[in-house]
Amino acid sequence: MNGCVINGTPVAVDFWKPTKAPQARLFFLTHLHADHTQGLTKTWRLPLYTSPTNSVLLQHQFQLPKSIIRELEVGETYLIPLDNEGNYPISVTVLDANHVPGAVMFLFQGYFGNILYCGDMRWYPELVRHKVLRSVVEERELDVLYLDNTFSAPYCVFPTREEAKQELFRIIET
């Protein structure tokens, strides 16, 4: 997945080509794997919304100025205006993606309905316990779900986190 501009909105997630989508005005980053930062360069100067961990990584890896990065804490909900005058705010809830440090998912709510953008994520039971997401799911009000299915083919079999941790310990000990 190389990101996208969410249909019918000015919201772009993991999409760094604003000249190809002039309607995009709000830019969000799920995490820093290469397929989610394709097109992002050190010359980027538009405001960029992401987690605090990703903020540090962006400043280090891309030399982006901290002044353009808008840190969004995991588990929190924010109102973000769609224009420079502060009008037409949308709600953005940041959820832990349980993927790599700093990886997040975004639940966007506004005139366009309820949209969950997952990026890369690993399911965990606590996810649906988040009050905002739980409410949307229980009311069956999730309108659009964006999933990254890069590794969803049946031949892609990954170890559990526990298995991976044990293998890492085994490698370190040898």
C-alpha atoms as a PDB file:
ATOM      1  CA  MET A   1       0.000   0.000   0.000  1.00  0.00           C
ATOM      2  CA  ASN A   2       1.365   3.403  -0.882  1.00  0.00           C
ATOM      3  CA  GLY A   3      -1.225   5.358   1.051  1.00  0.00           C
ATOM      4  CA  CYS A   4      -4.154   7.262  -0.329  1.00  0.00           C
ATOM      5  CA  VAL A   5      -6.376  10.275  -0.135  1.00  0.00           C
ATOM      6  CA  ILE A   6      -9.562   9.110   1.525  1.00  0.00           C
ATOM      7  CA  ASN A   7     -12.349   9.386  -1.018  1.00  0.00           C
ATOM      8  CA  GLY A   8     -14.568  12.439  -0.537  1.00  0.00           C
ATOM      9  CA  THR A   9     -12.286  14.035   2.063  1.00  0.00           C
ATOM     10  CA  PRO A  10      -9.189  16.250   2.222  1.00  0.00           C
ATOM     11  CA  VAL A  11      -7.480  13.568   4.354  1.00  0.00           C
ATOM     12  CA  ALA A  12      -4.359  11.793   3.088  1.00  0.00           C
ATOM     13  CA  VAL A  13      -2.796   8.880   4.950  1.00  0.00           C
ATOM     14  CA  ASP A  14       0.695   7.650   4.100  1.00  0.00           C
ATOM     15  CA  PHE A  15       0.377   9.639   0.866  1.00  0.00           C
ATOM     16  CA  TRP A  16       3.139  12.129   0.047  1.00  0.00           C
ATOM     17  CA  LYS A  17       2.352  13.421  -3.438  1.00  0.00           C
ATOM     18  CA  PRO A  18       0.166  16.503  -2.857  1.00  0.00           C
ATOM     19  CA  THR A  19       0.540  17.734  -6.439  1.00  0.00           C
ATOM     20  CA  LYS A  20      -1.244  14.557  -7.587  1.00  0.00           C
ATOM     21  CA  ALA A  21      -4.142  15.151  -5.180  1.00  0.00           C
ATOM     22  CA  PRO A  22      -4.734  18.896  -4.720  1.00  0.00           C
ATOM     23  CA  GLN A  23      -7.806  18.194  -2.541  1.00  0.00           C
ATOM     24  CA  ALA A  24      -5.524  16.743   0.161  1.00  0.00           C
ATOM     25  CA  ARG A  25      -4.950  19.212   3.001  1.00  0.00           C
ATOM     26  CA  LEU A  26      -4.435  17.004   6.064  1.00  0.00           C
ATOM     27  CA  PHE A  27      -1.574  14.510   5.996  1.00  0.00           C
ATOM     28  CA  PHE A  28      -1.301  11.575   8.419  1.00  0.00           C
ATOM     29  CA  LEU A  29       1.461   9.008   8.860  1.00  0.00           C
ATOM     30  CA  THR A  30       0.793   5.545  10.315  1.00  0.00           C
ATOM     31  CA  HIS A  31       4.448   4.465  10.654  1.00  0.00           C
ATOM     32  CA  LEU A  32       7.822   4.729   8.980  1.00  0.00           C
ATOM     33  CA  HIS A  33       8.147   1.551   6.934  1.00  0.00           C
ATOM     34  CA  ALA A  34       9.302   2.409   3.410  1.00  0.00           C
ATOM     35  CA  ASP A  35       6.023   1.492   1.725  1.00  0.00           C
ATOM     36  CA  HIS A  36       4.247   4.060   3.940  1.00  0.00           C
ATOM     37  CA  THR A  37       6.758   6.880   3.441  1.00  0.00           C
ATOM     38  CA  GLN A  38       7.253   6.543  -0.317  1.00  0.00           C
ATOM     39  CA  GLY A  39       7.506  10.081  -1.685  1.00  0.00           C
ATOM     40  CA  LEU A  40       8.200  11.713   1.682  1.00  0.00           C
ATOM     41  CA  THR A  41      11.450  13.693   1.591  1.00  0.00           C
ATOM     42  CA  LYS A  42      13.366  16.103   3.797  1.00  0.00           C
ATOM     43  CA  THR A  43      11.855  18.982   1.783  1.00  0.00           C
ATOM     44  CA  TRP A  44       8.320  18.224   3.084  1.00  0.00           C
ATOM     45  CA  ARG A  45       6.901  21.347   4.765  1.00  0.00           C
ATOM     46  CA  LEU A  46       3.153  20.710   5.100  1.00  0.00           C
ATOM     47  CA  PRO A  47       1.778  19.868   8.566  1.00  0.00           C
ATOM     48  CA  LEU A  48       2.019  16.155   9.238  1.00  0.00           C
ATOM     49  CA  TYR A  49      -0.011  14.323  11.910  1.00  0.00           C
ATOM     50  CA  THR A  50       1.472  11.255  13.578  1.00  0.00           C
ATOM     51  CA  SER A  51       2.405   9.642  16.889  1.00  0.00           C
ATOM     52  CA  PRO A  52       5.127  11.074  19.174  1.00  0.00           C
ATOM     53  CA  THR A  53       7.411   8.103  18.436  1.00  0.00           C
ATOM     54  CA  ASN A  54       7.020   8.643  14.695  1.00  0.00           C
ATOM     55  CA  SER A  55       7.734  12.340  15.249  1.00  0.00           C
ATOM     56  CA  VAL A  56      11.165  11.544  16.680  1.00  0.00           C
ATOM     57  CA  LEU A  57      11.866   9.081  13.871  1.00  0.00           C
ATOM     58  CA  LEU A  58      10.786  11.614  11.206  1.00  0.00           C
ATOM     59  CA  GLN A  59      13.083  14.254  12.619  1.00  0.00           C
ATOM     60  CA  HIS A  60      15.987  11.813  12.662  1.00  0.00           C
ATOM     61  CA  GLN A  61      15.438   9.912   9.395  1.00  0.00           C
ATOM     62  CA  PHE A  62      14.029  12.703   7.207  1.00  0.00           C
ATOM     63  CA  GLN A  63      15.429  15.752   9.034  1.00  0.00           C
ATOM     64  CA  LEU A  64      11.919  17.225   9.125  1.00  0.00           C
ATOM     65  CA  PRO A  65      11.519  20.278  11.337  1.00  0.00           C
ATOM     66  CA  LYS A  66       9.571  19.596  14.529  1.00  0.00           C
ATOM     67  CA  SER A  67       7.447  22.686  13.757  1.00  0.00           C
ATOM     68  CA  ILE A  68       5.556  20.892  10.966  1.00  0.00           C
ATOM     69  CA  ILE A  69       4.895  17.684  12.930  1.00  0.00           C
ATOM     70  CA  ARG A  70       1.646  17.503  14.902  1.00  0.00           C
ATOM     71  CA  GLU A  71       2.019  14.827  17.565  1.00  0.00           C
ATOM     72  CA  LEU A  72      -1.121  12.844  18.346  1.00  0.00           C
ATOM     73  CA  GLU A  73      -1.099  10.659  21.454  1.00  0.00           C
ATOM     74  CA  VAL A  74      -2.299   7.067  21.178  1.00  0.00           C
ATOM     75  CA  GLY A  75      -5.719   6.560  22.714  1.00  0.00           C
ATOM     76  CA  GLU A  76      -6.720  10.210  22.380  1.00  0.00           C
ATOM     77  CA  THR A  77      -9.307  11.912  20.184  1.00  0.00           C
ATOM     78  CA  TYR A  78      -8.590  15.250  18.508  1.00  0.00           C
ATOM     79  CA  LEU A  79     -10.674  17.816  16.641  1.00  0.00           C
ATOM     80  CA  ILE A  80      -8.770  19.001  13.589  1.00  0.00           C
ATOM     81  CA  PRO A  81     -10.175  21.821  11.433  1.00  0.00           C
ATOM     82  CA  LEU A  82     -10.420  21.274   7.703  1.00  0.00           C
ATOM     83  CA  ASP A  83      -9.538  24.862   6.865  1.00  0.00           C
ATOM     84  CA  ASN A  84      -7.192  27.585   8.112  1.00  0.00           C
ATOM     85  CA  GLU A  85     -10.038  29.442   9.858  1.00  0.00           C
ATOM     86  CA  GLY A  86     -10.746  26.503  12.172  1.00  0.00           C
ATOM     87  CA  ASN A  87     -14.045  25.601  10.524  1.00  0.00           C
ATOM     88  CA  TYR A  88     -15.511  22.169   9.855  1.00  0.00           C
ATOM     89  CA  PRO A  89     -13.473  20.122  12.315  1.00  0.00           C
ATOM     90  CA  ILE A  90     -13.178  16.390  11.950  1.00  0.00           C
ATOM     91  CA  SER A  91     -12.561  14.016  14.816  1.00  0.00           C
ATOM     92  CA  VAL A  92      -9.462  11.815  14.732  1.00  0.00           C
ATOM     93  CA  THR A  93      -8.932   9.033  17.269  1.00  0.00           C
ATOM     94  CA  VAL A  94      -5.458   7.521  17.376  1.00  0.00           C
ATOM     95  CA  LEU A  95      -5.239   3.783  18.064  1.00  0.00           C
ATOM     96  CA  ASP A  96      -2.234   1.559  18.689  1.00  0.00           C
ATOM     97  CA  ALA A  97      -1.579  -0.565  15.585  1.00  0.00           C
ATOM     98  CA  ASN A  98       0.381  -3.192  17.564  1.00  0.00           C
ATOM     99  CA  HIS A  99       2.880  -3.332  14.701  1.00  0.00           C
ATOM    100  CA  VAL A 100       6.195  -1.514  15.240  1.00  0.00           C
ATOM    101  CA  PRO A 101       7.060   1.239  17.739  1.00  0.00           C
ATOM    102  CA  GLY A 102       5.023   4.322  16.908  1.00  0.00           C
ATOM    103  CA  ALA A 103       2.647   2.570  14.487  1.00  0.00           C
ATOM    104  CA  VAL A 104      -0.908   3.857  14.725  1.00  0.00           C
ATOM    105  CA  MET A 105      -4.328   3.563  13.136  1.00  0.00           C
ATOM    106  CA  PHE A 106      -6.683   6.484  12.655  1.00  0.00           C
ATOM    107  CA  LEU A 107     -10.447   6.587  13.187  1.00  0.00           C
ATOM    108  CA  PHE A 108     -11.732   9.600  11.258  1.00  0.00           C
ATOM    109  CA  GLN A 109     -15.228  10.894  12.018  1.00  0.00           C
ATOM    110  CA  GLY A 110     -16.954  13.774  10.282  1.00  0.00           C
ATOM    111  CA  TYR A 111     -19.344  14.780   7.520  1.00  0.00           C
ATOM    112  CA  PHE A 112     -18.089  11.726   5.581  1.00  0.00           C
ATOM    113  CA  GLY A 113     -19.077   9.235   8.288  1.00  0.00           C
ATOM    114  CA  ASN A 114     -16.760   6.953  10.249  1.00  0.00           C
ATOM    115  CA  ILE A 115     -13.592   5.718   8.558  1.00  0.00           C
ATOM    116  CA  LEU A 116     -10.983   3.452  10.147  1.00  0.00           C
ATOM    117  CA  TYR A 117      -7.590   3.529   8.439  1.00  0.00           C
ATOM    118  CA  CYS A 118      -5.438   0.668   9.715  1.00  0.00           C
ATOM    119  CA  GLY A 119      -2.198   0.765   7.749  1.00  0.00           C
ATOM    120  CA  ASP A 120      -0.113  -2.150   9.002  1.00  0.00           C
ATOM    121  CA  MET A 121      -1.563  -3.580  12.182  1.00  0.00           C
ATOM    122  CA  ARG A 122      -1.764  -6.713  14.276  1.00  0.00           C
ATOM    123  CA  TRP A 123      -5.090  -7.591  15.888  1.00  0.00           C
ATOM    124  CA  TYR A 124      -5.251  -7.529  19.693  1.00  0.00           C
ATOM    125  CA  PRO A 125      -8.348  -7.911  21.913  1.00  0.00           C
ATOM    126  CA  GLU A 126      -7.882  -4.586  23.720  1.00  0.00           C
ATOM    127  CA  LEU A 127      -8.400  -2.751  20.438  1.00  0.00           C
ATOM    128  CA  VAL A 128     -12.184  -2.984  20.560  1.00  0.00           C
ATOM    129  CA  ARG A 129     -12.201  -1.898  24.192  1.00  0.00           C
ATOM    130  CA  HIS A 130     -11.331   1.673  23.218  1.00  0.00           C
ATOM    131  CA  LYS A 131     -14.494   3.634  24.041  1.00  0.00           C
ATOM    132  CA  VAL A 132     -14.738   5.515  20.723  1.00  0.00           C
ATOM    133  CA  LEU A 133     -14.036   2.508  18.498  1.00  0.00           C
ATOM    134  CA  ARG A 134     -16.254   0.262  20.634  1.00  0.00           C
ATOM    135  CA  SER A 135     -19.136   2.719  20.232  1.00  0.00           C
ATOM    136  CA  VAL A 136     -18.716   2.815  16.439  1.00  0.00           C
ATOM    137  CA  VAL A 137     -18.501  -0.985  16.212  1.00  0.00           C
ATOM    138  CA  GLU A 138     -21.436  -1.649  18.569  1.00  0.00           C
ATOM    139  CA  GLU A 139     -23.640   0.802  16.687  1.00  0.00           C
ATOM    140  CA  ARG A 140     -22.518  -0.722  13.370  1.00  0.00           C
ATOM    141  CA  GLU A 141     -21.581   2.739  12.196  1.00  0.00           C
ATOM    142  CA  LEU A 142     -18.219   2.040  10.584  1.00  0.00           C
ATOM    143  CA  ASP A 143     -18.711   3.254   7.025  1.00  0.00           C
ATOM    144  CA  VAL A 144     -15.300   2.506   5.487  1.00  0.00           C
ATOM    145  CA  LEU A 145     -12.394   0.332   6.575  1.00  0.00           C
ATOM    146  CA  TYR A 146      -8.966   0.733   4.963  1.00  0.00           C
ATOM    147  CA  LEU A 147      -6.778  -2.331   5.473  1.00  0.00           C
ATOM    148  CA  ASP A 148      -3.270  -2.880   4.220  1.00  0.00           C
ATOM    149  CA  ASN A 149      -3.365  -6.395   2.794  1.00  0.00           C
ATOM    150  CA  THR A 150       0.252  -6.600   1.625  1.00  0.00           C
ATOM    151  CA  PHE A 151       0.820  -9.896   3.427  1.00  0.00           C
ATOM    152  CA  SER A 152      -2.686 -11.352   3.464  1.00  0.00           C
ATOM    153  CA  ALA A 153      -1.947 -14.126   0.966  1.00  0.00           C
ATOM    154  CA  PRO A 154      -2.325 -17.652   2.419  1.00  0.00           C
ATOM    155  CA  TYR A 155       1.358 -18.443   1.861  1.00  0.00           C
ATOM    156  CA  CYS A 156       2.361 -15.598   4.216  1.00  0.00           C
ATOM    157  CA  VAL A 157       2.679 -17.242   7.602  1.00  0.00           C
ATOM    158  CA  PHE A 158       4.189 -15.188  10.394  1.00  0.00           C
ATOM    159  CA  PRO A 159       5.266 -16.296  13.847  1.00  0.00           C
ATOM    160  CA  THR A 160       3.453 -14.993  16.894  1.00  0.00           C
ATOM    161  CA  ARG A 161       5.184 -12.247  18.825  1.00  0.00           C
ATOM    162  CA  GLU A 162       6.106 -14.764  21.499  1.00  0.00           C
ATOM    163  CA  GLU A 163       7.644 -17.122  18.920  1.00  0.00           C
ATOM    164  CA  ALA A 164       9.583 -14.240  17.362  1.00  0.00           C
ATOM    165  CA  LYS A 165      10.825 -13.124  20.787  1.00  0.00           C
ATOM    166  CA  GLN A 166      11.989 -16.644  21.642  1.00  0.00           C
ATOM    167  CA  GLU A 167      13.790 -16.948  18.288  1.00  0.00           C
ATOM    168  CA  LEU A 168      15.504 -13.623  18.907  1.00  0.00           C
ATOM    169  CA  PHE A 169      16.675 -14.793  22.349  1.00  0.00           C
ATOM    170  CA  ARG A 170      17.927 -18.030  20.781  1.00  0.00           C
ATOM    171  CA  ILE A 171      19.934 -16.113  18.169  1.00  0.00           C
ATOM    172  CA  ILE A 172      21.420 -13.766  20.777  1.00  0.00           C
ATOM    173  CA  GLU A 173      22.458 -16.684  23.001  1.00  0.00           C
ATOM    174  CA  THR A 174      24.339 -18.491  20.205  1.00  0.00           C
END
